[in-house]
Amino acid sequence: MNIIETIQKRRSVRTYIAEPLRNEHTEQIKQYIHALQAPFGKRARIELISSSFGEEQVKLGTYGWIKGACDYLVLVYEEAPFAETAAAYMFEQAVLFCTDLGLGTCWLGGSFSRGDFKKQVRLHPDEKLKIVSPVGYASDKQRFFEKYIVRANNNHASRKPFEELFFDKNFNNPLLKTSAGPFLTPLEMVRLAPSANNKQEWRVLLDNNALHFYKKPYPMFDSIDMGIALCHFELSSQELGIEGKFKIWEDFPEGDKLKYVISWA
């Protein structure tokens, strides 16, 4: 798939046509997620589960946020330092793959019944289930609140400006698009990354040929959002032929009220 085009095309879908995935889509997704590996040496897996087993309906509650979805991607990861970020990176890969297939998805963190989903996924004692996403065929008929959200997010207008997220050599100097060089498109893909409540609480500092990633710590989802951002940056860089890798530096620039996460060079 074309990663950059797919990132630009992805949107959150909350209303579906209440039809299960066709067999070809089920097999393509299962094959893809089975081959995925979490980055940074962490352990995570993604399972595809259905709300229908034969004639039996299984309750998968989403508190009204999702309607008509029959199938879900479920993220499970082993608890360890940086594991949540690595798992989110991997889950976004699956979301983009489904987007490329023409399917709808929607990241869900706090708006689903974990108990319902845990009944369908066998967890080991050291594993955690924190994120799910419906996956299926989007309905043309959107509910009122979804139309409002779509209008608010039209053309990614709700995203923060480029210069508010990215900085050049120090955090008092916003990075201009004209100064971003080859990193312009990968950073723009970071800007388009979904985040909890659209907070976009990550920041990137460009220092010569190194980029330092930071986050504004907030409860629940800061590590998840960072994983999505890192996924967008690295996959789009690879697509453009920009060579580099992530590494945690011991000596990095300090950021006021920002927590250093990782660097890319």
Protein backbone atom coordinates (compact mmCIF):
# COMPACT_ATOMS: atom_id res chain seq x y z
CA MET A 1 0.00 0.00 0.00
CA ASN A 2 0.99 3.63 -0.40
CA ILE A 3 1.52 4.63 3.22
CA ILE A 4 1.36 8.41 2.75
CA GLU A 5 -1.84 8.28 0.70
CA THR A 6 -3.39 5.87 3.18
CA ILE A 7 -2.54 8.08 6.17
CA GLN A 8 -4.15 11.02 4.39
CA LYS A 9 -7.23 8.94 3.55
CA ARG A 10 -7.78 7.41 7.00
CA ARG A 11 -10.68 8.70 9.07
CA SER A 12 -12.58 7.42 12.09
CA VAL A 13 -15.75 5.52 11.18
CA ARG A 14 -18.36 5.08 13.91
CA THR A 15 -21.41 3.87 11.93
CA TYR A 16 -21.35 0.61 9.92
CA ILE A 17 -23.81 -1.29 7.73
CA ALA A 18 -24.20 -4.17 10.24
CA GLU A 19 -22.72 -6.78 7.91
CA PRO A 20 -19.83 -9.06 8.91
CA LEU A 21 -16.58 -8.92 6.98
CA ARG A 22 -16.54 -10.87 3.75
CA ASN A 23 -14.34 -13.94 3.78
CA GLU A 24 -11.67 -12.40 1.56
CA HIS A 25 -11.29 -9.44 3.88
CA THR A 26 -11.24 -11.66 6.96
CA GLU A 27 -8.46 -13.79 5.51
CA GLN A 28 -6.42 -10.80 4.33
CA ILE A 29 -6.59 -9.15 7.73
CA LYS A 30 -5.77 -12.33 9.65
CA GLN A 31 -2.79 -13.01 7.42
CA TYR A 32 -1.51 -9.45 7.83
CA ILE A 33 -1.88 -9.18 11.61
CA HIS A 34 -0.39 -12.64 12.10
CA ALA A 35 2.79 -11.47 10.34
CA LEU A 36 3.07 -8.20 12.29
CA GLN A 37 5.67 -7.82 15.01
CA ALA A 38 5.83 -5.07 17.61
CA PRO A 39 8.89 -2.82 17.26
CA PHE A 40 11.54 -2.04 19.89
CA GLY A 41 11.76 -5.69 20.91
CA LYS A 42 8.38 -5.72 22.67
CA ARG A 43 5.68 -8.39 22.59
CA ALA A 44 2.16 -7.68 21.35
CA ARG A 45 -0.50 -9.29 19.23
CA ILE A 46 -3.67 -8.30 17.42
CA GLU A 47 -6.73 -10.50 17.23
CA LEU A 48 -9.74 -10.21 14.93
CA ILE A 49 -12.95 -11.11 16.74
CA SER A 50 -16.58 -11.16 15.70
CA SER A 51 -19.80 -10.32 17.51
CA SER A 52 -21.44 -13.27 15.76
CA PHE A 53 -20.50 -16.93 16.12
CA GLY A 54 -22.89 -18.92 13.94
CA GLU A 55 -26.35 -17.93 15.12
CA GLU A 56 -25.10 -16.80 18.53
CA GLN A 57 -24.63 -13.07 19.13
CA VAL A 58 -21.85 -12.00 21.47
CA LYS A 59 -22.11 -8.72 23.34
CA LEU A 60 -19.27 -6.31 22.54
CA GLY A 61 -20.30 -3.06 24.19
CA THR A 62 -19.10 0.36 22.99
CA TYR A 63 -21.49 2.59 24.99
CA GLY A 64 -23.21 3.89 21.86
CA TRP A 65 -20.08 5.23 20.21
CA ILE A 66 -20.09 2.51 17.54
CA LYS A 67 -23.14 1.29 15.67
CA GLY A 68 -23.48 -1.63 13.25
CA ALA A 69 -19.98 -3.04 13.68
CA CYS A 70 -19.74 -6.83 13.55
CA ASP A 71 -15.96 -7.30 13.71
CA TYR A 72 -13.22 -5.80 15.86
CA LEU A 73 -9.45 -5.64 16.01
CA VAL A 74 -8.20 -6.15 19.57
CA LEU A 75 -4.73 -5.12 20.77
CA VAL A 76 -3.06 -7.23 23.46
CA TYR A 77 0.43 -6.57 24.78
CA GLU A 78 2.74 -7.71 27.54
CA GLU A 79 3.25 -5.06 30.19
CA ALA A 80 6.82 -3.72 30.12
CA PRO A 81 8.56 -0.37 29.73
CA PHE A 82 7.76 1.16 26.32
CA ALA A 83 5.50 -1.79 25.47
CA GLU A 84 2.36 0.34 25.17
CA THR A 85 4.01 2.64 22.64
CA ALA A 86 5.35 -0.30 20.62
CA ALA A 87 1.94 -2.01 20.64
CA ALA A 88 0.20 1.14 19.44
CA TYR A 89 2.75 1.45 16.60
CA MET A 90 1.85 -2.07 15.50
CA PHE A 91 -1.90 -1.52 15.86
CA GLU A 92 -1.75 1.58 13.64
CA GLN A 93 -0.09 -0.56 10.98
CA ALA A 94 -3.14 -2.83 11.06
CA VAL A 95 -5.50 0.16 10.96
CA LEU A 96 -3.73 1.54 7.89
CA PHE A 97 -3.84 -1.88 6.22
CA CYS A 98 -7.61 -2.04 6.75
CA THR A 99 -7.95 1.52 5.45
CA ASP A 100 -6.10 0.49 2.31
CA LEU A 101 -8.63 -2.34 1.87
CA GLY A 102 -11.42 0.25 1.90
CA LEU A 103 -12.62 -0.67 5.38
CA GLY A 104 -13.61 1.64 8.21
CA THR A 105 -11.89 1.68 11.59
CA CYS A 106 -11.93 3.78 14.77
CA TRP A 107 -9.45 3.73 17.67
CA LEU A 108 -11.26 3.06 20.95
CA GLY A 109 -9.58 3.40 24.31
CA GLY A 110 -12.04 4.38 27.01
CA SER A 111 -15.36 3.94 25.22
CA PHE A 112 -15.79 0.17 25.19
CA SER A 113 -16.57 -2.54 27.72
CA ARG A 114 -13.27 -4.27 28.41
CA GLY A 115 -15.11 -7.08 30.18
CA ASP A 116 -17.05 -7.97 27.04
CA PHE A 117 -13.91 -8.10 24.91
CA LYS A 118 -11.83 -9.98 27.47
CA LYS A 119 -14.39 -12.78 27.34
CA GLN A 120 -13.47 -13.30 23.67
CA VAL A 121 -9.69 -12.96 24.04
CA ARG A 122 -7.63 -15.21 26.29
CA LEU A 123 -5.22 -13.03 28.26
CA HIS A 124 -2.12 -14.28 30.04
CA PRO A 125 -1.42 -12.87 33.53
CA ASP A 126 1.14 -10.36 32.21
CA GLU A 127 -0.98 -9.20 29.26
CA LYS A 128 -3.13 -6.10 28.96
CA LEU A 129 -6.06 -5.24 26.69
CA LYS A 130 -6.45 -1.47 26.33
CA ILE A 131 -7.31 -0.69 22.70
CA VAL A 132 -9.85 -2.04 20.18
CA SER A 133 -11.16 -0.87 16.83
CA PRO A 134 -14.24 -1.83 14.86
CA VAL A 135 -13.43 -2.88 11.31
CA GLY A 136 -16.02 -3.12 8.59
CA TYR A 137 -18.05 -1.41 5.92
CA ALA A 138 -18.90 2.20 6.59
CA SER A 139 -22.53 3.25 6.39
CA ASP A 140 -23.56 6.18 4.21
CA LYS A 141 -26.00 7.18 6.94
CA GLN A 142 -24.13 8.91 9.71
CA ARG A 143 -25.64 9.76 13.06
CA PHE A 144 -25.94 13.40 14.10
CA PHE A 145 -22.98 13.41 16.49
CA GLU A 146 -20.79 11.71 13.89
CA LYS A 147 -21.71 14.29 11.24
CA TYR A 148 -20.71 16.97 13.71
CA ILE A 149 -17.35 15.27 14.34
CA VAL A 150 -16.71 14.78 10.62
CA ARG A 151 -17.45 18.44 9.89
CA ALA A 152 -15.14 19.50 12.72
CA ASN A 153 -12.38 17.30 11.37
CA ASN A 154 -12.93 18.06 7.68
CA ASN A 155 -9.63 18.06 5.79
CA HIS A 156 -7.85 17.61 9.12
CA ALA A 157 -8.74 21.19 10.01
CA SER A 158 -8.88 20.22 13.67
CA ARG A 159 -5.17 19.36 13.68
CA LYS A 160 -2.78 21.82 15.29
CA PRO A 161 -0.62 23.96 13.00
CA PHE A 162 2.72 22.55 11.88
CA GLU A 163 4.69 25.24 13.71
CA GLU A 164 2.96 24.43 17.01
CA LEU A 165 4.11 20.81 17.02
CA PHE A 166 7.60 20.88 15.53
CA PHE A 167 10.67 22.90 16.51
CA ASP A 168 14.08 23.75 15.11
CA LYS A 169 17.11 23.30 17.44
CA ASN A 170 15.25 24.60 20.51
CA PHE A 171 11.67 24.85 21.74
CA ASN A 172 11.60 28.63 21.36
CA ASN A 173 12.07 28.31 17.61
CA PRO A 174 9.10 26.82 15.68
CA LEU A 175 10.06 24.70 12.69
CA LEU A 176 8.86 26.25 9.45
CA LYS A 177 7.77 24.01 6.61
CA THR A 178 10.36 25.69 4.41
CA SER A 179 13.09 24.61 6.84
CA ALA A 180 11.97 21.01 7.36
CA GLY A 181 13.84 19.70 4.31
CA PRO A 182 13.30 15.98 3.61
CA PHE A 183 11.41 15.60 6.89
CA LEU A 184 8.51 17.82 5.79
CA THR A 185 6.25 14.99 4.63
CA PRO A 186 7.03 12.54 7.47
CA LEU A 187 6.36 15.28 10.02
CA GLU A 188 3.15 16.21 8.24
CA MET A 189 2.10 12.55 8.54
CA VAL A 190 2.82 12.83 12.28
CA ARG A 191 0.60 15.91 12.40
CA LEU A 192 -2.24 13.91 10.84
CA ALA A 193 -1.91 11.05 13.34
CA PRO A 194 -5.04 10.37 15.40
CA SER A 195 -4.80 10.96 19.15
CA ALA A 196 -7.06 10.77 22.19
CA ASN A 197 -9.53 13.66 22.07
CA ASN A 198 -7.35 15.07 19.29
CA LYS A 199 -4.95 16.41 21.90
CA GLN A 200 -1.78 15.86 19.81
CA GLU A 201 0.33 16.02 22.94
CA TRP A 202 3.59 15.09 21.25
CA ARG A 203 6.33 17.44 20.05
CA VAL A 204 9.33 16.91 17.78
CA LEU A 205 12.62 18.81 17.88
CA LEU A 206 14.76 18.82 14.73
CA ASP A 207 18.46 19.18 15.54
CA ASN A 208 20.58 18.87 12.39
CA ASN A 209 19.78 15.34 11.10
CA ALA A 210 18.32 14.05 14.37
CA LEU A 211 14.73 14.33 15.49
CA HIS A 212 13.85 14.08 19.16
CA PHE A 213 10.32 13.01 20.09
CA TYR A 214 8.66 14.26 23.29
CA LYS A 215 5.23 14.04 24.85
CA LYS A 216 3.15 16.06 27.24
CA PRO A 217 2.23 13.45 29.85
CA TYR A 218 -1.50 13.05 30.46
CA PRO A 219 -3.50 10.16 31.89
CA MET A 220 -4.24 6.98 29.98
CA PHE A 221 -3.23 7.52 26.38
CA ASP A 222 -0.01 9.54 26.00
CA SER A 223 2.04 6.40 25.28
CA ILE A 224 -0.59 5.11 22.84
CA ASP A 225 -0.66 8.40 20.92
CA MET A 226 3.13 8.45 20.74
CA GLY A 227 3.16 4.97 19.20
CA ILE A 228 0.82 6.11 16.42
CA ALA A 229 2.97 9.17 15.75
CA LEU A 230 6.17 7.11 15.60
CA CYS A 231 4.48 4.69 13.19
CA HIS A 232 3.43 7.48 10.84
CA PHE A 233 6.88 9.05 10.90
CA GLU A 234 8.91 5.90 10.31
CA LEU A 235 6.67 4.29 7.70
CA SER A 236 6.41 7.48 5.63
CA SER A 237 10.19 8.05 5.94
CA GLN A 238 10.81 4.52 4.69
CA GLU A 239 8.44 5.07 1.78
CA LEU A 240 10.38 8.20 0.81
CA GLY A 241 13.72 6.42 1.07
CA ILE A 242 14.92 8.42 4.08
CA GLU A 243 17.28 6.18 6.03
CA GLY A 244 17.44 6.24 9.81
CA LYS A 245 16.40 4.44 12.96
CA PHE A 246 14.94 5.07 16.39
CA LYS A 247 17.20 5.05 19.43
CA ILE A 248 16.85 6.29 23.00
CA TRP A 249 19.56 8.88 23.63
CA GLU A 250 21.18 9.52 26.99
CA ASP A 251 22.06 13.13 26.12
CA PHE A 252 19.10 14.99 24.63
CA PRO A 253 17.78 18.57 24.73
CA GLU A 254 15.47 19.29 27.64
CA GLY A 255 11.92 20.49 26.99
CA ASP A 256 9.83 22.45 29.48
CA LYS A 257 6.94 20.28 30.72
CA LEU A 258 7.83 17.73 28.06
CA LYS A 259 8.95 14.16 28.61
CA TYR A 260 11.62 12.84 26.25
CA VAL A 261 10.65 9.58 24.55
CA ILE A 262 13.02 8.63 21.73
CA SER A 263 15.15 10.00 18.89
CA TRP A 264 15.46 9.24 15.21
CA ALA A 265 18.70 9.71 13.30
